[in-house]
Amino acid sequence: MIPTLFYGVPSGCSFGSIVALEWLGEPYRLSRVEMPADVTSETYRRINPVAETPALMLGNGRVISESMAIMNHLGWLGIGQGLGFPQGSDQFDRFNQVLAYLNTSLFNGFSPLWYALEHESDGSSKDALRTYGATLLAKAHGDLEEMLRGKKWLLGERRTLADAYFAGIARWTKYHDVLDRRDYPAVQNLFESLEDDPGVRFAHAIERGEKGISNGGFRGEVSLKDALHLRQQAS
């Protein structure tokens, strides 16, 4: 069975996993998960009981959830391409450190902003959430600016799957007018470089429901129901 990535729309962090699969170039399928309707359904909970995307179903039917775990799995497959590194190496530790920072600091900075946007609350509560999110994101962008000093990509002169994960999160500033990424030139340059990448453009097209041009191993989309059937056959 070809591995299948379950990706959330609209604008899920699973975007980065689509980019990662494109860069890897190995055969894969996608399964679209509408949020919040599909992601909380009993059907999807049979894939991931915690009702979150992304989730990657491997060829043997085993499922890996959480972006960091998926990126580390795909990174191991992409060692020969410099997309990941052997565990135990200095490069792997740095790669894992950057992934963790993106997950716990950059991603987390958007959490209060998403809550304020998606939930009804009084004006003072919403303002407090936005102020808190803006403070977190200003620090995260400042940290990333220092991290990128003298580098083209997050880990140096070659892109890694950490950059793919960044692409899926950094774009969220367009939904929340609390920070201007152009105030952080190195972060903005990385974002613009990624937006020009064919894998990123493909992921954007997929999210919009368009027929994107894959330069990787994309083998089409499958429904949740069909994906579960394929899993049963593989198990």
Protein backbone atom coordinates (compact mmCIF):
# COMPACT_ATOMS: atom_id res chain seq x y z
CA MET A 1 0.00 0.00 0.00
CA ILE A 2 1.22 3.49 -0.83
CA PRO A 3 1.58 5.73 2.28
CA THR A 4 -1.29 8.17 2.76
CA LEU A 5 -1.15 11.56 4.46
CA PHE A 6 -4.33 12.84 6.08
CA TYR A 7 -4.20 16.62 5.84
CA GLY A 8 -6.49 19.18 7.44
CA VAL A 9 -8.18 22.09 5.68
CA PRO A 10 -8.47 24.97 5.82
CA SER A 11 -4.85 25.93 6.45
CA GLY A 12 -3.76 23.04 8.65
CA CYS A 13 -0.19 22.63 9.85
CA SER A 14 -0.24 19.41 7.80
CA PHE A 15 0.65 21.68 4.87
CA GLY A 16 4.30 21.20 5.85
CA SER A 17 3.96 17.43 5.63
CA ILE A 18 2.63 17.71 2.07
CA VAL A 19 5.68 19.81 1.17
CA ALA A 20 7.94 17.27 2.87
CA LEU A 21 6.46 14.40 0.85
CA GLU A 22 6.91 16.38 -2.36
CA TRP A 23 10.56 17.03 -1.55
CA LEU A 24 11.13 13.39 -0.65
CA GLY A 25 9.83 12.24 -4.04
CA GLU A 26 8.58 8.81 -2.88
CA PRO A 27 5.06 7.64 -3.89
CA TYR A 28 2.28 8.88 -1.61
CA ARG A 29 -1.43 9.63 -1.55
CA LEU A 30 -3.41 12.34 0.22
CA SER A 31 -6.70 12.20 2.08
CA ARG A 32 -8.52 15.49 2.69
CA VAL A 33 -9.91 16.10 6.18
CA GLU A 34 -12.28 19.06 6.58
CA MET A 35 -11.96 20.86 9.91
CA PRO A 36 -13.81 20.74 12.21
CA ALA A 37 -16.45 18.44 10.67
CA ASP A 38 -14.40 15.50 9.38
CA VAL A 39 -11.55 15.68 11.87
CA THR A 40 -13.90 15.03 14.82
CA SER A 41 -15.85 12.28 13.05
CA GLU A 42 -15.85 8.68 14.21
CA THR A 43 -14.43 7.71 10.82
CA TYR A 44 -11.33 9.87 11.23
CA ARG A 45 -10.92 8.90 14.88
CA ARG A 46 -10.29 5.38 13.60
CA ILE A 47 -7.19 6.88 11.96
CA ASN A 48 -6.17 9.21 14.80
CA PRO A 49 -8.12 8.89 18.07
CA VAL A 50 -7.12 12.40 19.23
CA ALA A 51 -8.86 13.91 16.16
CA GLU A 52 -5.97 15.99 14.86
CA THR A 53 -4.10 16.30 11.58
CA PRO A 54 -1.68 15.46 10.14
CA ALA A 55 -1.55 11.68 10.30
CA LEU A 56 0.59 9.51 8.04
CA MET A 57 -0.57 5.98 7.28
CA LEU A 58 2.37 3.83 6.25
CA GLY A 59 2.37 1.01 3.72
CA ASN A 60 1.72 -1.59 6.43
CA GLY A 61 -1.26 0.33 7.82
CA ARG A 62 0.55 1.73 10.84
CA VAL A 63 -0.28 5.39 11.55
CA ILE A 64 2.11 8.10 12.71
CA SER A 65 0.53 11.27 14.09
CA GLU A 66 1.98 14.64 15.17
CA SER A 67 3.99 16.80 12.78
CA MET A 68 7.31 16.35 14.59
CA ALA A 69 7.05 12.57 14.51
CA ILE A 70 6.09 12.61 10.83
CA MET A 71 8.95 14.97 9.94
CA ASN A 72 11.46 12.80 11.79
CA HIS A 73 10.17 9.69 10.01
CA LEU A 74 10.33 11.34 6.59
CA GLY A 75 13.65 12.95 7.44
CA TRP A 76 15.16 9.52 8.06
CA LEU A 77 13.94 8.45 4.61
CA GLY A 78 15.48 11.60 3.11
CA ILE A 79 18.94 11.40 4.65
CA GLY A 80 20.52 10.82 1.26
CA GLN A 81 18.97 14.05 0.00
CA GLY A 82 20.03 16.09 3.02
CA LEU A 83 16.41 16.51 4.12
CA GLY A 84 17.13 14.76 7.42
CA PHE A 85 20.07 13.33 9.35
CA PRO A 86 21.10 10.10 11.11
CA GLN A 87 19.97 9.92 14.70
CA GLY A 88 22.89 10.44 17.04
CA SER A 89 24.64 12.91 14.75
CA ASP A 90 25.17 16.57 15.61
CA GLN A 91 23.08 17.50 12.56
CA PHE A 92 20.15 15.39 13.76
CA ASP A 93 20.22 17.03 17.17
CA ARG A 94 20.18 20.46 15.56
CA PHE A 95 17.40 19.42 13.16
CA ASN A 96 15.29 18.05 16.01
CA GLN A 97 15.97 21.17 18.08
CA VAL A 98 14.74 23.46 15.31
CA LEU A 99 11.64 21.32 14.72
CA ALA A 100 10.88 21.45 18.44
CA TYR A 101 11.28 25.23 18.49
CA LEU A 102 8.90 25.66 15.57
CA ASN A 103 6.39 23.38 17.28
CA THR A 104 6.54 24.78 20.82
CA SER A 105 7.22 28.47 20.13
CA LEU A 106 6.17 29.54 16.63
CA PHE A 107 3.13 27.24 16.48
CA ASN A 108 2.20 28.00 20.06
CA GLY A 109 2.31 31.75 19.41
CA PHE A 110 -0.62 31.39 17.04
CA SER A 111 -2.76 29.34 19.46
CA PRO A 112 -4.37 32.26 21.36
CA LEU A 113 -4.96 34.06 18.05
CA TRP A 114 -6.75 31.06 16.53
CA TYR A 115 -8.85 30.74 19.68
CA ALA A 116 -9.80 34.42 19.55
CA LEU A 117 -10.72 34.09 15.87
CA GLU A 118 -12.72 30.87 16.10
CA HIS A 119 -14.56 31.30 19.40
CA GLU A 120 -17.05 33.86 20.57
CA SER A 121 -15.80 35.98 23.46
CA ASP A 122 -16.28 39.49 24.76
CA GLY A 123 -14.10 42.31 23.46
CA SER A 124 -11.75 42.44 26.45
CA SER A 125 -11.07 38.68 26.37
CA LYS A 126 -10.42 38.74 22.63
CA ASP A 127 -8.08 41.73 23.00
CA ALA A 128 -6.17 39.94 25.76
CA LEU A 129 -5.76 36.83 23.64
CA ARG A 130 -4.56 38.86 20.67
CA THR A 131 -2.09 40.80 22.82
CA TYR A 132 -0.74 37.58 24.30
CA GLY A 133 -0.40 35.96 20.87
CA ALA A 134 1.30 39.05 19.44
CA THR A 135 3.84 38.99 22.28
CA LEU A 136 4.61 35.31 21.75
CA LEU A 137 4.98 35.73 18.00
CA ALA A 138 7.22 38.79 18.29
CA LYS A 139 9.61 36.79 20.46
CA ALA A 140 9.45 33.74 18.18
CA HIS A 141 10.16 35.81 15.07
CA GLY A 142 13.02 37.58 16.84
CA ASP A 143 14.50 34.22 17.82
CA LEU A 144 14.14 32.91 14.27
CA GLU A 145 15.79 36.04 12.90
CA GLU A 146 18.85 35.29 15.05
CA MET A 147 18.69 31.60 14.14
CA LEU A 148 18.80 32.50 10.46
CA ARG A 149 21.63 34.98 10.72
CA GLY A 150 24.06 34.25 7.86
CA LYS A 151 21.96 31.29 6.61
CA LYS A 152 19.69 30.73 3.66
CA TRP A 153 17.73 27.94 5.34
CA LEU A 154 17.01 27.15 8.96
CA LEU A 155 19.93 24.74 9.28
CA GLY A 156 22.36 26.31 6.82
CA GLU A 157 22.86 26.30 3.07
CA ARG A 158 20.62 23.32 2.30
CA ARG A 159 16.92 23.02 2.91
CA THR A 160 15.69 20.36 5.33
CA LEU A 161 12.26 19.23 6.41
CA ALA A 162 12.42 21.84 9.17
CA ASP A 163 11.93 24.42 6.41
CA ALA A 164 8.94 22.48 5.10
CA TYR A 165 7.34 22.59 8.55
CA PHE A 166 8.08 26.32 8.82
CA ALA A 167 6.28 26.92 5.51
CA GLY A 168 3.05 25.51 6.91
CA ILE A 169 3.05 27.64 10.07
CA ALA A 170 4.60 30.97 9.03
CA ARG A 171 1.82 31.64 6.50
CA TRP A 172 -0.69 32.01 9.36
CA THR A 173 0.31 35.65 9.87
CA LYS A 174 -2.06 36.48 6.99
CA TYR A 175 -5.02 35.54 9.21
CA HIS A 176 -3.91 37.55 12.24
CA ASP A 177 -2.89 41.19 11.83
CA VAL A 178 -0.62 41.37 14.87
CA LEU A 179 2.83 41.25 13.28
CA ASP A 180 4.53 42.32 10.05
CA ARG A 181 6.96 39.60 8.94
CA ARG A 182 8.85 42.19 6.90
CA ASP A 183 10.21 43.57 10.17
CA TYR A 184 12.28 40.35 10.31
CA PRO A 185 14.19 40.35 7.00
CA ALA A 186 15.81 36.92 7.31
CA VAL A 187 12.50 35.29 8.25
CA GLN A 188 10.78 37.09 5.38
CA ASN A 189 13.48 35.98 2.92
CA LEU A 190 13.06 32.36 4.00
CA PHE A 191 9.29 32.63 3.65
CA GLU A 192 9.55 34.13 0.16
CA SER A 193 12.06 31.48 -0.94
CA LEU A 194 9.68 28.77 0.18
CA GLU A 195 6.67 30.37 -1.49
CA ASP A 196 8.57 30.10 -4.80
CA ASP A 197 9.26 26.40 -4.24
CA PRO A 198 7.32 23.98 -6.51
CA GLY A 199 6.45 21.73 -3.56
CA VAL A 200 4.99 24.65 -1.63
CA ARG A 201 3.03 25.83 -4.66
CA PHE A 202 1.69 22.28 -5.05
CA ALA A 203 0.58 22.19 -1.40
CA HIS A 204 -1.23 25.52 -1.83
CA ALA A 205 -3.06 24.17 -4.87
CA ILE A 206 -4.05 20.98 -3.05
CA GLU A 207 -5.48 22.96 -0.12
CA ARG A 208 -7.51 25.09 -2.54
CA GLY A 209 -8.93 21.92 -4.07
CA GLU A 210 -7.15 22.49 -7.35
CA LYS A 211 -5.17 20.07 -9.49
CA GLY A 212 -1.62 20.93 -8.52
CA ILE A 213 1.48 20.03 -10.47
CA SER A 214 3.49 17.48 -8.50
CA ASN A 215 7.21 17.19 -9.03
CA GLY A 216 7.29 14.42 -6.47
CA GLY A 217 5.51 11.12 -5.97
CA PHE A 218 1.88 12.21 -5.62
CA ARG A 219 -0.44 9.36 -6.65
CA GLY A 220 -3.81 11.03 -6.12
CA GLU A 221 -6.32 11.55 -3.34
CA VAL A 222 -8.44 8.99 -1.52
CA SER A 223 -11.50 9.47 0.69
CA LEU A 224 -11.42 8.66 4.39
CA LYS A 225 -13.65 5.65 3.75
CA ASP A 226 -11.38 4.29 1.01
CA ALA A 227 -8.28 4.94 3.12
CA LEU A 228 -9.74 2.88 5.96
CA HIS A 229 -10.54 0.08 3.52
CA LEU A 230 -6.94 0.11 2.26
CA ARG A 231 -5.71 0.00 5.85
CA GLN A 232 -7.80 -3.07 6.59
CA GLN A 233 -6.36 -4.78 3.53
CA ALA A 234 -2.79 -3.96 4.58
CA SER A 235 -3.20 -5.10 8.20
